[in-house]
Protein backbone atom coordinates (compact mmCIF):
# COMPACT_ATOMS: atom_id res chain seq x y z
CA MET A 1 158.70 162.34 152.62
CA LYS A 2 156.78 161.68 155.85
CA ALA A 3 154.95 158.77 154.21
CA ARG A 4 158.25 157.28 153.03
CA LEU A 5 159.82 157.61 156.48
CA LEU A 6 156.75 156.01 158.03
CA LEU A 7 156.99 153.10 155.58
CA LEU A 8 160.69 152.59 156.34
CA PHE A 9 159.99 152.76 160.07
CA THR A 10 157.17 150.21 159.73
CA LYS A 11 159.39 147.82 157.75
CA ALA A 12 162.12 148.18 160.36
CA CYS A 13 159.68 147.40 163.16
CA ILE A 14 158.40 144.32 161.30
CA THR A 15 161.98 143.13 160.72
CA ILE A 16 162.84 143.55 164.41
CA ALA A 17 159.66 141.70 165.42
CA LEU A 18 160.43 138.82 163.05
CA ARG A 19 164.03 138.61 164.30
CA ALA A 20 162.75 138.45 167.88
CA GLN A 21 160.68 135.37 166.94
CA THR A 22 163.45 133.72 164.91
CA PRO A 23 164.82 130.47 166.35
CA VAL A 24 168.52 130.76 167.17
CA LEU A 25 170.35 127.50 166.45
CA GLU A 26 173.65 126.51 168.06
CA PRO A 27 175.99 124.02 166.36
CA VAL A 28 177.06 120.52 167.24
CA LEU A 29 180.76 120.37 166.40
CA CYS A 30 182.04 117.36 164.46
CA ASN A 31 185.42 116.38 163.06
CA ALA A 32 187.72 118.93 161.44
CA PRO A 33 189.09 118.08 157.99
CA ASP A 34 192.77 117.16 157.85
CA LEU A 35 194.21 118.43 154.57
CA SER A 36 197.86 118.10 155.53
CA PRO A 37 200.38 116.56 153.09
CA ALA A 38 200.70 113.61 155.46
CA GLN A 39 196.97 112.93 155.20
CA PHE A 40 197.10 112.99 151.40
CA ALA A 41 200.00 110.55 151.51
CA LEU A 42 198.01 108.31 153.86
CA PHE A 43 195.02 108.28 151.51
CA ASP A 44 197.31 107.50 148.57
CA LYS A 45 198.74 104.54 150.47
CA TYR A 46 195.24 103.39 151.43
CA THR A 47 193.96 103.61 147.84
CA LYS A 48 196.93 101.62 146.56
CA ALA A 49 196.41 98.97 149.25
CA MET A 50 192.72 98.71 148.34
CA THR A 51 193.44 98.11 144.67
CA SER A 52 196.54 95.97 145.11
CA GLU A 53 196.40 92.26 144.33
CA ILE A 54 199.35 91.57 146.65
CA GLU A 55 198.33 89.89 149.91
CA LEU A 56 198.89 92.05 153.00
CA ASN A 57 200.81 90.76 156.01
CA ALA A 58 199.23 90.88 159.48
CA THR A 59 200.57 94.33 160.34
CA GLU A 60 199.53 95.79 156.99
CA GLN A 61 196.10 94.19 157.27
CA ALA A 62 195.54 95.65 160.74
CA TRP A 63 196.46 99.12 159.42
CA PHE A 64 194.21 98.67 156.39
CA ASP A 65 191.29 97.53 158.56
CA SER A 66 191.64 100.57 160.82
CA MET A 67 191.65 102.87 157.77
CA TYR A 68 188.66 101.08 156.29
CA TYR A 69 186.73 101.55 159.53
CA ALA A 70 187.64 105.24 159.72
CA VAL A 71 187.34 106.17 156.04
CA GLY A 72 185.19 103.56 154.30
CA GLU A 73 185.74 102.31 150.78
CA THR A 74 184.38 105.23 148.76
CA ARG A 75 186.42 108.23 149.99
CA GLU A 76 189.46 108.61 147.77
CA SER A 77 190.81 111.92 149.08
CA PRO A 78 190.88 114.01 152.27
CA CYS A 79 189.08 116.69 150.23
CA GLN A 80 185.89 114.63 150.05
CA VAL A 81 183.25 115.76 152.56
CA ILE A 82 181.31 112.50 152.25
CA GLY A 83 182.01 109.27 150.43
CA MET A 84 180.07 107.87 147.52
CA GLU A 85 178.10 105.46 149.69
CA CYS A 86 174.34 105.93 149.74
CA SER A 87 173.12 108.91 151.78
CA TRP A 88 170.36 111.51 151.65
CA TYR A 89 172.05 112.67 148.46
CA CYS A 90 170.97 109.47 146.73
CA GLY A 91 167.61 111.16 146.24
CA GLY A 92 168.03 114.73 147.46
CA GLY A 93 170.03 117.86 146.93
CA PRO A 94 169.75 121.27 145.30
CA ASP A 95 169.26 121.74 141.57
CA SER A 96 171.17 125.03 141.41
CA ILE A 97 173.17 127.43 143.60
CA TRP A 98 173.87 131.13 143.23
CA ALA A 99 175.27 134.01 145.27
CA THR A 100 174.88 137.77 145.43
CA SER A 101 178.61 138.11 144.76
CA SER A 102 181.80 136.07 144.42
CA LEU A 103 185.48 136.88 144.67
CA ASN A 104 187.32 136.85 141.34
CA ALA A 105 189.53 133.85 140.62
CA GLN A 106 193.09 134.13 141.92
CA ASP A 107 195.81 132.05 140.26
CA GLN A 108 194.28 128.58 139.96
CA HIS A 109 191.70 129.13 142.71
CA THR A 110 188.06 130.00 142.01
CA TYR A 111 185.48 131.12 144.57
CA ASP A 112 182.22 130.42 142.72
CA PRO A 113 178.96 129.65 144.58
CA ALA A 114 179.04 126.04 143.32
CA ASN A 115 182.20 125.52 145.39
CA ALA A 116 180.04 125.76 148.53
CA HIS A 117 178.20 122.59 147.55
CA ASP A 118 180.66 120.40 145.66
CA LEU A 119 181.21 118.27 148.79
CA ASP A 120 184.90 119.18 148.61
CA TYR A 121 186.92 120.70 151.47
CA CYS A 122 189.60 121.87 149.04
CA THR A 123 187.36 124.45 147.33
CA ALA A 124 185.33 127.33 148.80
CA TRP A 125 182.97 130.23 148.08
CA CYS A 126 184.04 133.75 149.01
CA GLU A 127 181.86 136.84 148.79
CA GLY A 128 183.13 139.46 146.38
CA VAL A 129 182.24 142.91 147.75
CA PRO A 130 184.49 145.38 149.60
CA GLY A 131 184.53 144.77 153.35
CA PRO A 132 183.43 141.66 155.23
CA GLY A 133 180.41 140.87 153.04
CA ILE A 134 177.63 141.58 155.53
CA GLY A 135 174.33 141.05 153.69
CA GLN A 136 175.84 138.84 150.98
CA SER A 137 174.14 135.50 150.52
CA LEU A 138 174.17 132.02 149.03
CA THR A 139 170.93 130.45 147.73
CA TYR A 140 170.28 126.74 147.15
CA ARG A 141 167.25 125.77 145.03
CA PHE A 142 165.56 122.41 145.60
CA GLY A 143 163.10 120.99 143.08
CA PRO A 144 159.52 120.16 144.17
CA ALA A 145 160.29 116.41 144.17
CA SER A 146 163.49 116.66 146.24
CA PRO A 147 163.27 114.80 149.58
CA ARG A 148 162.77 116.95 152.65
CA LEU A 149 165.70 118.13 154.74
CA HIS A 150 166.07 118.57 158.50
CA THR A 151 169.79 119.23 158.99
CA ILE A 152 172.25 121.85 157.77
CA LYS A 153 176.00 121.26 157.97
CA VAL A 154 178.61 123.98 157.55
CA SER A 155 182.36 124.00 157.04
CA ASN A 156 183.13 127.56 158.11
CA GLY A 157 186.00 129.57 156.66
CA LEU A 158 188.79 128.49 154.33
CA VAL A 159 189.77 125.14 155.86
CA THR A 160 192.57 124.16 153.48
CA SER A 161 195.02 124.99 156.29
CA GLU A 162 194.96 126.67 159.69
CA THR A 163 197.01 129.53 158.25
CA ALA A 164 194.49 130.15 155.47
CA TRP A 165 191.60 129.75 157.90
CA ARG A 166 192.98 132.38 160.29
CA ALA A 167 193.93 134.75 157.48
CA ASN A 168 190.36 135.14 156.17
CA ASN A 169 187.04 136.03 157.80
CA ARG A 170 184.75 133.27 159.06
CA VAL A 171 180.98 133.58 159.50
CA LYS A 172 179.69 134.24 163.01
CA ARG A 173 175.95 134.52 162.24
CA LEU A 174 173.98 133.29 159.22
CA LEU A 175 170.31 134.11 158.62
CA VAL A 176 168.42 131.25 156.95
CA LEU A 177 165.37 131.93 154.78
CA GLU A 178 163.00 129.64 152.91
CA ASN A 179 161.58 131.43 149.86
CA ASP A 180 162.12 134.80 151.58
CA THR A 181 160.58 133.68 154.89
CA ILE A 182 162.95 133.71 157.88
CA VAL A 183 163.53 130.19 159.21
CA ALA A 184 166.37 130.48 161.75
CA GLU A 185 169.56 132.20 162.70
CA LEU A 186 172.66 130.02 162.85
CA HIS A 187 175.28 130.92 165.44
CA LEU A 188 178.51 129.46 164.11
CA ALA A 189 181.51 128.64 166.27
CA ASP A 190 184.90 130.03 165.31
CA SER A 191 186.16 126.54 164.58
CA MET A 192 187.55 124.51 161.68
CA GLU A 193 185.34 121.61 162.74
CA ASP A 194 182.20 120.79 160.75
CA GLN A 195 179.13 122.34 162.38
CA GLU A 196 175.73 120.63 162.37
CA PHE A 197 172.40 122.39 162.92
CA THR A 198 169.01 120.70 163.36
CA LEU A 199 166.20 122.72 161.80
CA PRO A 200 162.99 123.43 163.75
CA ARG A 201 160.94 121.38 161.25
CA LEU A 202 161.18 119.51 157.96
CA PHE A 203 161.64 121.63 154.85
CA GLY A 204 160.83 120.71 151.26
CA LYS A 205 157.98 119.33 149.15
CA ARG A 206 156.18 122.66 149.46
CA ALA A 207 152.37 122.64 149.55
CA ASP A 208 152.29 125.11 146.64
CA GLY A 209 154.32 122.73 144.46
CA GLN A 210 156.98 125.38 143.83
CA PRO A 211 160.75 124.95 144.13
CA MET A 212 162.22 125.67 147.55
CA ASP A 213 164.97 128.26 147.88
CA ILE A 214 167.11 128.12 151.04
CA THR A 215 169.12 131.33 151.40
CA PHE A 216 172.02 131.90 153.81
CA THR A 217 172.79 135.57 154.48
CA ILE A 218 175.94 136.73 156.26
CA MET A 219 175.02 138.80 159.33
CA GLU A 220 178.26 138.91 161.31
CA VAL A 221 181.80 137.59 160.93
CA TYR A 222 184.90 136.63 162.87
CA PRO A 223 187.63 138.88 161.41
CA GLY A 224 190.58 137.37 159.58
CA GLU A 225 194.15 138.22 160.49
CA ARG A 226 195.14 139.32 156.95
CA PHE A 227 192.14 139.62 154.62
CA ASP A 228 188.68 141.14 154.92
CA ASP A 229 187.13 138.39 152.77
CA THR A 230 184.48 136.07 154.22
CA VAL A 231 184.75 132.43 153.17
CA ILE A 232 182.42 129.44 153.44
CA THR A 233 183.97 126.15 152.36
CA GLU A 234 180.80 124.07 152.31
CA ILE A 235 177.12 124.02 153.23
CA TRP A 236 175.45 120.64 152.83
CA PHE A 237 172.35 118.85 154.05
CA ASP A 238 170.74 115.76 155.49
CA GLY A 239 167.10 114.79 155.60
CA THR A 240 164.46 112.14 155.13
CA ASP A 241 162.28 110.49 152.44
CA VAL A 242 165.23 108.61 150.89
CA HIS A 243 165.52 105.38 152.91
């Protein structure tokens, strides 16, 4: 018994020491998604104008040009996190994603781990244990040949509407690990805006030639007004070695 207690105490001390050395990253806030019915109607109008063979008048052309500048030509819906134009994802990205738990499907809505990396604001992952999900995690596996990454981006909470976002828990602190080694702690803002974190170094193309697992573990949450379920809409990445 004494030996077991000593071992547990030693592990706790090591964990505290590692946490003390862990870089704490603060977010840069970006644009919040607009998933209102008006925005969907605007995208529908834009898509029709893009494919129409009817010549636009001056006013219509000015509107179209402003939309083209703001949206680009490859985003077809407000749900899309990024368009189909070339990005780091042309050569990078995870091969598989899994979670320690997931909330069961409700009506037509699923909360699978893959929803946290489908580049879609209209779907989300939600942990599936009683309580706020402290200790639950998402893991993204990158193949040995995947380009290296230097940036993590997070859409925190259920961003389909402000009502849904406030009703459910959002993440306050995420612990990031690379193949079980602590990398950083992300301090997330309680905001519907996208949050961007720059990592302390490049990650990927491991020297041992093995796949790289990036794990995000929930450490603390902002409580929801109605439900004790913690939701992450999206975690995606940017990096180098592609262009």
